[in-house]
Amino acid sequence: SNAQGGEAWVMREFDRPVILNKISIQAAGTDVTPENSLIRVEVKDKGGRWHSVFELSDAVINRDFSAHAPVIKVGPQIIEFPNVTVRAVRLFMKGH
């Protein structure tokens, strides 16, 4: 969605459960203002439950854009965690 306060997500479902222990995000976030925005990575376990493994609020990941307000920009993110068996990974974004 490109509407203010909207949300969107992209998901990768696997044909069979896979073991995951790292996720890399090279760039993500709004192109207007990151105020009140959220970037979240979730994994779906074998039982179908979603678990958050990363959250970032009010910032963008490696995005350049012209905005009127100061922007918190962080570099590419590598999220590491203990091995977990998952059926899907979802990147969720909310904000402007």
Protein backbone atom coordinates (compact mmCIF):
# COMPACT_ATOMS: atom_id res chain seq x y z
CA SER A 1 0.00 0.00 0.00
CA ASN A 2 1.28 3.47 -0.73
CA ALA A 3 -1.23 5.20 1.54
CA GLN A 4 -0.17 6.94 4.72
CA GLY A 5 -0.52 4.55 7.64
CA GLY A 6 -0.76 1.60 5.26
CA GLU A 7 0.97 -1.74 5.55
CA ALA A 8 2.37 -4.39 3.25
CA TRP A 9 4.26 -7.63 3.46
CA VAL A 10 6.13 -10.12 1.34
CA MET A 11 6.34 -13.79 2.27
CA ARG A 12 8.36 -16.81 1.20
CA GLU A 13 6.71 -20.18 1.89
CA PHE A 14 8.84 -23.30 1.66
CA ASP A 15 7.75 -26.62 0.12
CA ARG A 16 8.98 -28.40 3.22
CA PRO A 17 10.28 -27.21 6.61
CA VAL A 18 13.78 -25.69 6.50
CA ILE A 19 16.32 -24.86 9.19
CA LEU A 20 17.03 -21.15 9.42
CA ASN A 21 19.53 -19.27 11.59
CA LYS A 22 20.19 -16.01 9.72
CA ILE A 23 18.28 -13.42 7.70
CA SER A 24 19.80 -10.53 5.77
CA ILE A 25 17.91 -7.34 4.89
CA GLN A 26 19.80 -5.17 2.41
CA ALA A 27 17.22 -2.35 2.16
CA ALA A 28 13.70 -1.73 3.45
CA GLY A 29 11.46 1.08 4.59
CA THR A 30 9.33 4.01 3.56
CA ASP A 31 10.19 6.60 0.94
CA VAL A 32 8.34 9.45 2.70
CA THR A 33 9.01 9.57 6.44
CA PRO A 34 9.82 6.73 8.84
CA GLU A 35 7.94 8.38 11.71
CA ASN A 36 5.57 5.77 13.23
CA SER A 37 6.82 3.12 10.80
CA LEU A 38 7.66 -0.51 11.53
CA ILE A 39 9.78 -3.14 9.78
CA ARG A 40 9.33 -6.65 11.18
CA VAL A 41 10.62 -10.07 10.14
CA GLU A 42 8.56 -13.07 11.23
CA VAL A 43 9.05 -16.81 10.85
CA LYS A 44 6.30 -19.43 10.79
CA ASP A 45 7.06 -22.55 12.82
CA LYS A 46 6.08 -26.13 11.96
CA GLY A 47 2.85 -25.70 13.95
CA GLY A 48 1.77 -22.67 11.93
CA ARG A 49 2.51 -20.02 14.60
CA TRP A 50 4.27 -16.77 13.67
CA HIS A 51 7.26 -15.51 15.71
CA SER A 52 8.98 -12.14 15.37
CA VAL A 53 12.79 -12.35 14.97
CA PHE A 54 13.45 -8.67 14.16
CA GLU A 55 11.71 -5.30 14.62
CA LEU A 56 12.81 -1.78 13.72
CA SER A 57 10.65 1.29 14.37
CA ASP A 58 10.90 4.84 13.07
CA ALA A 59 13.87 4.11 10.78
CA VAL A 60 14.81 2.82 7.33
CA ILE A 61 17.35 0.20 6.32
CA ASN A 62 19.85 1.43 3.74
CA ARG A 63 17.36 3.69 1.89
CA ASP A 64 18.14 7.09 0.43
CA PHE A 65 15.30 9.49 -0.25
CA SER A 66 14.41 13.14 0.06
CA ALA A 67 12.33 13.82 3.12
CA HIS A 68 11.64 17.02 5.01
CA ALA A 69 12.21 15.49 8.43
CA PRO A 70 15.44 14.02 9.81
CA VAL A 71 15.64 10.31 9.03
CA ILE A 72 17.15 7.52 11.09
CA LYS A 73 18.95 5.32 8.58
CA VAL A 74 20.68 2.09 9.54
CA GLY A 75 22.90 -0.04 7.34
CA PRO A 76 22.02 -3.49 5.98
CA GLN A 77 20.92 -5.82 8.77
CA ILE A 78 22.03 -9.39 9.42
CA ILE A 79 19.79 -11.06 11.98
CA GLU A 80 21.23 -14.20 13.54
CA PHE A 81 19.45 -16.55 15.93
CA PRO A 82 19.67 -20.20 17.06
CA ASN A 83 18.63 -22.79 14.46
CA VAL A 84 14.87 -22.89 14.05
CA THR A 85 12.76 -25.04 11.74
CA VAL A 86 10.38 -22.87 9.74
CA ARG A 87 7.75 -23.19 7.02
CA ALA A 88 7.75 -19.51 5.95
CA VAL A 89 9.45 -16.12 6.39
CA ARG A 90 7.56 -12.83 6.16
CA LEU A 91 8.81 -9.22 5.94
CA PHE A 92 6.12 -6.87 7.21
CA MET A 93 6.25 -3.08 6.84
CA LYS A 94 3.87 -0.47 8.23
CA GLY A 95 3.94 3.30 7.97
CA HIS A 96 3.89 6.05 5.41
